[in-house]
Amino acid sequence: IMELVDAGVPQHVLAPIRTTILQVEGVR
C-alpha cells in the first residue's frame, strides 16, 4: 500500500483497497 501512496494515488482510492486487504488478511 505504501508503494501506492508514494506513487501519488489519492487517499479515497486507497481506502477501499486497504479495507479489502485487511479483510483478506483476516480470513487467513
N, C-alpha and C. Protein backbone atom coordinates (compact mmCIF):
# COMPACT_ATOMS: atom_id res chain seq x y z
N ILE A 1 0.84 -1.21 0.00
CA ILE A 1 0.00 0.00 0.00
C ILE A 1 0.87 1.25 0.00
N MET A 2 1.97 1.23 0.73
CA MET A 2 2.84 2.41 0.80
C MET A 2 3.39 2.74 -0.58
N GLU A 3 3.57 1.72 -1.43
CA GLU A 3 4.06 1.98 -2.78
C GLU A 3 3.05 2.83 -3.54
N LEU A 4 1.76 2.55 -3.32
CA LEU A 4 0.72 3.31 -3.99
C LEU A 4 0.69 4.74 -3.49
N VAL A 5 0.91 4.91 -2.19
CA VAL A 5 0.92 6.26 -1.62
C VAL A 5 2.08 7.05 -2.22
N ASP A 6 3.23 6.40 -2.35
CA ASP A 6 4.40 7.07 -2.92
C ASP A 6 4.15 7.43 -4.38
N ALA A 7 3.32 6.64 -5.04
CA ALA A 7 3.03 6.88 -6.45
C ALA A 7 2.04 8.03 -6.63
N GLY A 8 1.46 8.49 -5.52
CA GLY A 8 0.55 9.63 -5.59
C GLY A 8 -0.90 9.24 -5.80
N VAL A 9 -1.25 8.01 -5.42
CA VAL A 9 -2.65 7.58 -5.55
C VAL A 9 -3.48 8.27 -4.47
N PRO A 10 -4.63 8.85 -4.84
CA PRO A 10 -5.48 9.56 -3.87
C PRO A 10 -5.94 8.66 -2.73
N GLN A 11 -6.10 9.27 -1.55
CA GLN A 11 -6.49 8.52 -0.36
C GLN A 11 -7.84 7.84 -0.55
N HIS A 12 -8.77 8.52 -1.27
CA HIS A 12 -10.11 7.94 -1.44
C HIS A 12 -10.06 6.70 -2.32
N VAL A 13 -8.97 6.51 -3.04
CA VAL A 13 -8.80 5.30 -3.85
C VAL A 13 -8.17 4.21 -3.01
N LEU A 14 -7.25 4.61 -2.13
CA LEU A 14 -6.55 3.63 -1.29
C LEU A 14 -7.44 3.05 -0.21
N ALA A 15 -8.39 3.84 0.29
CA ALA A 15 -9.23 3.40 1.41
C ALA A 15 -9.92 2.06 1.14
N PRO A 16 -10.69 1.90 0.05
CA PRO A 16 -11.36 0.62 -0.20
C PRO A 16 -10.37 -0.51 -0.45
N ILE A 17 -9.22 -0.19 -1.05
CA ILE A 17 -8.20 -1.21 -1.30
C ILE A 17 -7.65 -1.71 0.02
N ARG A 18 -7.36 -0.77 0.92
CA ARG A 18 -6.82 -1.14 2.23
C ARG A 18 -7.83 -1.99 2.99
N THR A 19 -9.11 -1.62 2.90
CA THR A 19 -10.17 -2.37 3.59
C THR A 19 -10.22 -3.80 3.06
N THR A 20 -10.12 -3.95 1.75
CA THR A 20 -10.16 -5.28 1.14
C THR A 20 -8.99 -6.13 1.60
N ILE A 21 -7.80 -5.53 1.64
CA ILE A 21 -6.61 -6.25 2.07
C ILE A 21 -6.74 -6.69 3.52
N LEU A 22 -7.28 -5.82 4.36
CA LEU A 22 -7.45 -6.17 5.77
C LEU A 22 -8.42 -7.33 5.90
N GLN A 23 -9.47 -7.34 5.09
CA GLN A 23 -10.45 -8.42 5.14
C GLN A 23 -9.80 -9.74 4.71
N VAL A 24 -8.99 -9.69 3.67
CA VAL A 24 -8.32 -10.89 3.16
C VAL A 24 -7.35 -11.41 4.22
N GLU A 25 -6.60 -10.50 4.84
CA GLU A 25 -5.65 -10.91 5.87
C GLU A 25 -6.38 -11.54 7.05
N GLY A 26 -7.59 -11.03 7.34
CA GLY A 26 -8.36 -11.55 8.47
C GLY A 26 -8.86 -12.96 8.21
N VAL A 27 -9.04 -13.31 6.92
CA VAL A 27 -9.55 -14.63 6.57
C VAL A 27 -8.47 -15.69 6.81
N ARG A 28 -7.23 -15.32 6.59
CA ARG A 28 -6.14 -16.28 6.72
C ARG A 28 -5.94 -16.69 8.18
